[in-house]
Amino acid sequence: MWGNPEGKGKRPLGRTKNRCKDNIKMNLKAVGWTGMDWIVLAQERDSWRAVLNAIMNFRVHKMRGIS
């Protein structure tokens, strides 16, 4: 979770590293999650699954252009 999954690949100069936790924070922000710390939330399986389903539904609707 804290590592760099991209490995030794090169990225453009000035571009920051994207870590798994950064992607999680970005997705939670996109759906307007302002609740508790996401790490604590991830330890509660049912709550975490509900949040992930909300994110996936948001992304599907966004891709299809549905509001």
PDB file of N, CA and C in Angstrom:
ATOM      1  N   MET A   1       0.821  -1.187   0.000  1.00  0.00           N
ATOM      2  CA  MET A   1       0.000   0.000   0.000  1.00  0.00           C
ATOM      3  C   MET A   1       0.869   1.257   0.000  1.00  0.00           C
ATOM      4  N   TRP A   2       2.024   1.194   0.584  1.00  0.00           N
ATOM      5  CA  TRP A   2       2.856   2.390   0.681  1.00  0.00           C
ATOM      6  C   TRP A   2       3.968   2.403  -0.364  1.00  0.00           C
ATOM      7  N   GLY A   3       4.110   1.337  -1.119  1.00  0.00           N
ATOM      8  CA  GLY A   3       5.196   1.224  -2.077  1.00  0.00           C
ATOM      9  C   GLY A   3       4.915   1.946  -3.377  1.00  0.00           C
ATOM     10  N   ASN A   4       5.783   1.722  -4.327  1.00  0.00           N
ATOM     11  CA  ASN A   4       5.663   2.322  -5.644  1.00  0.00           C
ATOM     12  C   ASN A   4       5.429   1.204  -6.654  1.00  0.00           C
ATOM     13  N   PRO A   5       4.179   0.910  -7.026  1.00  0.00           N
ATOM     14  CA  PRO A   5       3.896  -0.229  -7.890  1.00  0.00           C
ATOM     15  C   PRO A   5       4.394  -0.076  -9.317  1.00  0.00           C
ATOM     16  N   GLU A   6       4.734   1.124  -9.737  1.00  0.00           N
ATOM     17  CA  GLU A   6       5.181   1.324 -11.107  1.00  0.00           C
ATOM     18  C   GLU A   6       6.565   0.735 -11.348  1.00  0.00           C
ATOM     19  N   GLY A   7       7.306   0.487 -10.294  1.00  0.00           N
ATOM     20  CA  GLY A   7       8.632  -0.106 -10.452  1.00  0.00           C
ATOM     21  C   GLY A   7       9.659   0.905 -10.913  1.00  0.00           C
ATOM     22  N   LYS A   8      10.501   0.497 -11.856  1.00  0.00           N
ATOM     23  CA  LYS A   8      11.607   1.346 -12.292  1.00  0.00           C
ATOM     24  C   LYS A   8      11.270   2.166 -13.530  1.00  0.00           C
ATOM     25  N   GLY A   9      10.011   2.184 -13.924  1.00  0.00           N
ATOM     26  CA  GLY A   9       9.623   2.945 -15.109  1.00  0.00           C
ATOM     27  C   GLY A   9       9.897   4.433 -14.941  1.00  0.00           C
ATOM     28  N   LYS A  10      10.157   5.091 -16.046  1.00  0.00           N
ATOM     29  CA  LYS A  10      10.451   6.525 -16.010  1.00  0.00           C
ATOM     30  C   LYS A  10       9.161   7.319 -16.185  1.00  0.00           C
ATOM     31  N   ARG A  11       9.104   8.469 -15.570  1.00  0.00           N
ATOM     32  CA  ARG A  11       7.985   9.379 -15.746  1.00  0.00           C
ATOM     33  C   ARG A  11       8.552  10.731 -16.162  1.00  0.00           C
ATOM     34  N   PRO A  12       7.738  11.579 -16.758  1.00  0.00           N
ATOM     35  CA  PRO A  12       8.232  12.874 -17.210  1.00  0.00           C
ATOM     36  C   PRO A  12       8.825  13.697 -16.076  1.00  0.00           C
ATOM     37  N   LEU A  13       9.780  14.525 -16.405  1.00  0.00           N
ATOM     38  CA  LEU A  13      10.438  15.380 -15.441  1.00  0.00           C
ATOM     39  C   LEU A  13       9.421  16.279 -14.743  1.00  0.00           C
ATOM     40  N   GLY A  14       9.466  16.335 -13.433  1.00  0.00           N
ATOM     41  CA  GLY A  14       8.577  17.179 -12.661  1.00  0.00           C
ATOM     42  C   GLY A  14       7.276  16.514 -12.255  1.00  0.00           C
ATOM     43  N   ARG A  15       7.024  15.344 -12.757  1.00  0.00           N
ATOM     44  CA  ARG A  15       5.796  14.639 -12.379  1.00  0.00           C
ATOM     45  C   ARG A  15       6.023  13.894 -11.070  1.00  0.00           C
ATOM     46  N   THR A  16       5.073  14.009 -10.156  1.00  0.00           N
ATOM     47  CA  THR A  16       5.214  13.372  -8.854  1.00  0.00           C
ATOM     48  C   THR A  16       4.870  11.897  -8.917  1.00  0.00           C
ATOM     49  N   LYS A  17       5.345  11.151  -7.923  1.00  0.00           N
ATOM     50  CA  LYS A  17       5.029   9.736  -7.836  1.00  0.00           C
ATOM     51  C   LYS A  17       3.575   9.568  -7.419  1.00  0.00           C
ATOM     52  N   ASN A  18       2.893   8.651  -8.053  1.00  0.00           N
ATOM     53  CA  ASN A  18       1.528   8.303  -7.653  1.00  0.00           C
ATOM     54  C   ASN A  18       1.589   6.999  -6.880  1.00  0.00           C
ATOM     55  N   ARG A  19       1.177   7.067  -5.642  1.00  0.00           N
ATOM     56  CA  ARG A  19       1.146   5.864  -4.819  1.00  0.00           C
ATOM     57  C   ARG A  19      -0.294   5.408  -4.676  1.00  0.00           C
ATOM     58  N   CYS A  20      -0.458   4.188  -4.243  1.00  0.00           N
ATOM     59  CA  CYS A  20      -1.794   3.616  -4.067  1.00  0.00           C
ATOM     60  C   CYS A  20      -2.616   4.488  -3.121  1.00  0.00           C
ATOM     61  N   LYS A  21      -2.005   4.918  -2.018  1.00  0.00           N
ATOM     62  CA  LYS A  21      -2.752   5.731  -1.057  1.00  0.00           C
ATOM     63  C   LYS A  21      -3.150   7.075  -1.650  1.00  0.00           C
ATOM     64  N   ASP A  22      -2.356   7.620  -2.573  1.00  0.00           N
ATOM     65  CA  ASP A  22      -2.720   8.871  -3.228  1.00  0.00           C
ATOM     66  C   ASP A  22      -3.944   8.680  -4.112  1.00  0.00           C
ATOM     67  N   ASN A  23      -4.006   7.550  -4.814  1.00  0.00           N
ATOM     68  CA  ASN A  23      -5.163   7.256  -5.651  1.00  0.00           C
ATOM     69  C   ASN A  23      -6.422   7.071  -4.811  1.00  0.00           C
ATOM     70  N   ILE A  24      -6.288   6.419  -3.666  1.00  0.00           N
ATOM     71  CA  ILE A  24      -7.431   6.224  -2.776  1.00  0.00           C
ATOM     72  C   ILE A  24      -7.952   7.575  -2.289  1.00  0.00           C
ATOM     73  N   LYS A  25      -7.046   8.447  -1.852  1.00  0.00           N
ATOM     74  CA  LYS A  25      -7.456   9.775  -1.383  1.00  0.00           C
ATOM     75  C   LYS A  25      -8.150  10.564  -2.493  1.00  0.00           C
ATOM     76  N   MET A  26      -7.624  10.483  -3.721  1.00  0.00           N
ATOM     77  CA  MET A  26      -8.202  11.202  -4.845  1.00  0.00           C
ATOM     78  C   MET A  26      -9.614  10.690  -5.145  1.00  0.00           C
ATOM     79  N   ASN A  27      -9.801   9.365  -5.121  1.00  0.00           N
ATOM     80  CA  ASN A  27     -11.115   8.795  -5.387  1.00  0.00           C
ATOM     81  C   ASN A  27     -12.124   9.145  -4.295  1.00  0.00           C
ATOM     82  N   LEU A  28     -11.686   9.119  -3.042  1.00  0.00           N
ATOM     83  CA  LEU A  28     -12.586   9.485  -1.946  1.00  0.00           C
ATOM     84  C   LEU A  28     -12.991  10.955  -2.047  1.00  0.00           C
ATOM     85  N   LYS A  29     -12.055  11.792  -2.439  1.00  0.00           N
ATOM     86  CA  LYS A  29     -12.356  13.223  -2.598  1.00  0.00           C
ATOM     87  C   LYS A  29     -13.352  13.433  -3.738  1.00  0.00           C
ATOM     88  N   ALA A  30     -13.238  12.624  -4.801  1.00  0.00           N
ATOM     89  CA  ALA A  30     -14.128  12.760  -5.960  1.00  0.00           C
ATOM     90  C   ALA A  30     -15.583  12.473  -5.606  1.00  0.00           C
ATOM     91  N   VAL A  31     -15.815  11.552  -4.674  1.00  0.00           N
ATOM     92  CA  VAL A  31     -17.192  11.239  -4.294  1.00  0.00           C
ATOM     93  C   VAL A  31     -17.646  12.052  -3.089  1.00  0.00           C
ATOM     94  N   GLY A  32     -16.800  12.959  -2.619  1.00  0.00           N
ATOM     95  CA  GLY A  32     -17.191  13.838  -1.516  1.00  0.00           C
ATOM     96  C   GLY A  32     -17.100  13.205  -0.150  1.00  0.00           C
ATOM     97  N   TRP A  33     -16.219  12.217   0.015  1.00  0.00           N
ATOM     98  CA  TRP A  33     -16.072  11.561   1.313  1.00  0.00           C
ATOM     99  C   TRP A  33     -15.315  12.488   2.248  1.00  0.00           C
ATOM    100  N   THR A  34     -15.963  12.873   3.331  1.00  0.00           N
ATOM    101  CA  THR A  34     -15.320  13.736   4.322  1.00  0.00           C
ATOM    102  C   THR A  34     -15.375  13.099   5.693  1.00  0.00           C
ATOM    103  N   GLY A  35     -15.590  11.795   5.729  1.00  0.00           N
ATOM    104  CA  GLY A  35     -15.725  11.071   6.988  1.00  0.00           C
ATOM    105  C   GLY A  35     -14.398  10.827   7.667  1.00  0.00           C
ATOM    106  N   MET A  36     -14.337   9.735   8.387  1.00  0.00           N
ATOM    107  CA  MET A  36     -13.151   9.404   9.166  1.00  0.00           C
ATOM    108  C   MET A  36     -11.966   9.064   8.266  1.00  0.00           C
ATOM    109  N   ASP A  37     -10.843   8.843   8.896  1.00  0.00           N
ATOM    110  CA  ASP A  37      -9.625   8.472   8.201  1.00  0.00           C
ATOM    111  C   ASP A  37      -9.861   7.213   7.375  1.00  0.00           C
ATOM    112  N   TRP A  38      -9.426   7.192   6.127  1.00  0.00           N
ATOM    113  CA  TRP A  38      -9.704   6.069   5.246  1.00  0.00           C
ATOM    114  C   TRP A  38      -9.007   4.787   5.687  1.00  0.00           C
ATOM    115  N   ILE A  39      -7.887   4.890   6.378  1.00  0.00           N
ATOM    116  CA  ILE A  39      -7.190   3.700   6.848  1.00  0.00           C
ATOM    117  C   ILE A  39      -8.022   2.992   7.915  1.00  0.00           C
ATOM    118  N   VAL A  40      -8.605   3.769   8.814  1.00  0.00           N
ATOM    119  CA  VAL A  40      -9.488   3.199   9.839  1.00  0.00           C
ATOM    120  C   VAL A  40     -10.729   2.614   9.170  1.00  0.00           C
ATOM    121  N   LEU A  41     -11.259   3.329   8.195  1.00  0.00           N
ATOM    122  CA  LEU A  41     -12.447   2.862   7.483  1.00  0.00           C
ATOM    123  C   LEU A  41     -12.176   1.542   6.756  1.00  0.00           C
ATOM    124  N   ALA A  42     -10.992   1.401   6.182  1.00  0.00           N
ATOM    125  CA  ALA A  42     -10.647   0.185   5.438  1.00  0.00           C
ATOM    126  C   ALA A  42     -10.603  -1.044   6.344  1.00  0.00           C
ATOM    127  N   GLN A  43     -10.397  -0.843   7.620  1.00  0.00           N
ATOM    128  CA  GLN A  43     -10.352  -1.961   8.547  1.00  0.00           C
ATOM    129  C   GLN A  43     -11.747  -2.484   8.877  1.00  0.00           C
ATOM    130  N   GLU A  44     -12.769  -1.705   8.586  1.00  0.00           N
ATOM    131  CA  GLU A  44     -14.155  -2.135   8.770  1.00  0.00           C
ATOM    132  C   GLU A  44     -14.687  -2.553   7.398  1.00  0.00           C
ATOM    133  N   ARG A  45     -14.674  -3.851   7.136  1.00  0.00           N
ATOM    134  CA  ARG A  45     -14.941  -4.373   5.798  1.00  0.00           C
ATOM    135  C   ARG A  45     -16.264  -3.904   5.188  1.00  0.00           C
ATOM    136  N   ASP A  46     -17.336  -3.958   5.949  1.00  0.00           N
ATOM    137  CA  ASP A  46     -18.647  -3.591   5.396  1.00  0.00           C
ATOM    138  C   ASP A  46     -18.696  -2.125   4.999  1.00  0.00           C
ATOM    139  N   SER A  47     -18.182  -1.252   5.849  1.00  0.00           N
ATOM    140  CA  SER A  47     -18.168   0.180   5.546  1.00  0.00           C
ATOM    141  C   SER A  47     -17.273   0.465   4.346  1.00  0.00           C
ATOM    142  N   TRP A  48     -16.112  -0.176   4.311  1.00  0.00           N
ATOM    143  CA  TRP A  48     -15.164   0.037   3.218  1.00  0.00           C
ATOM    144  C   TRP A  48     -15.769  -0.429   1.888  1.00  0.00           C
ATOM    145  N   ARG A  49     -16.442  -1.578   1.917  1.00  0.00           N
ATOM    146  CA  ARG A  49     -17.075  -2.086   0.702  1.00  0.00           C
ATOM    147  C   ARG A  49     -18.150  -1.121   0.203  1.00  0.00           C
ATOM    148  N   ALA A  50     -18.901  -0.524   1.110  1.00  0.00           N
ATOM    149  CA  ALA A  50     -19.938   0.438   0.724  1.00  0.00           C
ATOM    150  C   ALA A  50     -19.317   1.666   0.064  1.00  0.00           C
ATOM    151  N   VAL A  51     -18.221   2.141   0.621  1.00  0.00           N
ATOM    152  CA  VAL A  51     -17.538   3.308   0.035  1.00  0.00           C
ATOM    153  C   VAL A  51     -16.980   2.957  -1.342  1.00  0.00           C
ATOM    154  N   LEU A  52     -16.358   1.793  -1.477  1.00  0.00           N
ATOM    155  CA  LEU A  52     -15.815   1.386  -2.773  1.00  0.00           C
ATOM    156  C   LEU A  52     -16.912   1.248  -3.819  1.00  0.00           C
ATOM    157  N   ASN A  53     -18.058   0.699  -3.429  1.00  0.00           N
ATOM    158  CA  ASN A  53     -19.175   0.599  -4.373  1.00  0.00           C
ATOM    159  C   ASN A  53     -19.649   1.980  -4.810  1.00  0.00           C
ATOM    160  N   ALA A  54     -19.683   2.932  -3.886  1.00  0.00           N
ATOM    161  CA  ALA A  54     -20.081   4.295  -4.233  1.00  0.00           C
ATOM    162  C   ALA A  54     -19.088   4.910  -5.217  1.00  0.00           C
ATOM    163  N   ILE A  55     -17.803   4.670  -5.008  1.00  0.00           N
ATOM    164  CA  ILE A  55     -16.779   5.205  -5.915  1.00  0.00           C
ATOM    165  C   ILE A  55     -16.920   4.584  -7.298  1.00  0.00           C
ATOM    166  N   MET A  56     -17.105   3.273  -7.352  1.00  0.00           N
ATOM    167  CA  MET A  56     -17.227   2.605  -8.642  1.00  0.00           C
ATOM    168  C   MET A  56     -18.477   3.075  -9.385  1.00  0.00           C
ATOM    169  N   ASN A  57     -19.593   3.243  -8.681  1.00  0.00           N
ATOM    170  CA  ASN A  57     -20.810   3.751  -9.321  1.00  0.00           C
ATOM    171  C   ASN A  57     -20.601   5.164  -9.835  1.00  0.00           C
ATOM    172  N   PHE A  58     -19.901   5.985  -9.068  1.00  0.00           N
ATOM    173  CA  PHE A  58     -19.608   7.359  -9.477  1.00  0.00           C
ATOM    174  C   PHE A  58     -18.785   7.363 -10.762  1.00  0.00           C
ATOM    175  N   ARG A  59     -17.763   6.500 -10.814  1.00  0.00           N
ATOM    176  CA  ARG A  59     -16.885   6.461 -11.985  1.00  0.00           C
ATOM    177  C   ARG A  59     -17.624   5.954 -13.217  1.00  0.00           C
ATOM    178  N   VAL A  60     -18.497   4.964 -13.048  1.00  0.00           N
ATOM    179  CA  VAL A  60     -19.258   4.430 -14.177  1.00  0.00           C
ATOM    180  C   VAL A  60     -20.194   5.503 -14.717  1.00  0.00           C
ATOM    181  N   HIS A  61     -20.909   6.197 -13.829  1.00  0.00           N
ATOM    182  CA  HIS A  61     -21.820   7.250 -14.269  1.00  0.00           C
ATOM    183  C   HIS A  61     -21.062   8.396 -14.921  1.00  0.00           C
ATOM    184  N   LYS A  62     -19.902   8.719 -14.393  1.00  0.00           N
ATOM    185  CA  LYS A  62     -19.081   9.797 -14.959  1.00  0.00           C
ATOM    186  C   LYS A  62     -18.622   9.427 -16.367  1.00  0.00           C
ATOM    187  N   MET A  63     -18.222   8.173 -16.565  1.00  0.00           N
ATOM    188  CA  MET A  63     -17.775   7.722 -17.885  1.00  0.00           C
ATOM    189  C   MET A  63     -18.909   7.743 -18.897  1.00  0.00           C
ATOM    190  N   ARG A  64     -20.122   7.441 -18.437  1.00  0.00           N
ATOM    191  CA  ARG A  64     -21.282   7.416 -19.333  1.00  0.00           C
ATOM    192  C   ARG A  64     -21.931   8.776 -19.492  1.00  0.00           C
ATOM    193  N   GLY A  65     -21.476   9.765 -18.722  1.00  0.00           N
ATOM    194  CA  GLY A  65     -22.037  11.096 -18.825  1.00  0.00           C
ATOM    195  C   GLY A  65     -23.347  11.262 -18.081  1.00  0.00           C
ATOM    196  N   ILE A  66     -23.611  10.383 -17.115  1.00  0.00           N
ATOM    197  CA  ILE A  66     -24.840  10.452 -16.338  1.00  0.00           C
ATOM    198  C   ILE A  66     -24.589  11.283 -15.093  1.00  0.00           C
ATOM    199  N   SER A  67     -25.496  12.180 -14.776  1.00  0.00           N
ATOM    200  CA  SER A  67     -25.315  13.016 -13.590  1.00  0.00           C
ATOM    201  C   SER A  67     -25.856  12.353 -12.369  1.00  0.00           C
TER     202      SER A  67
END
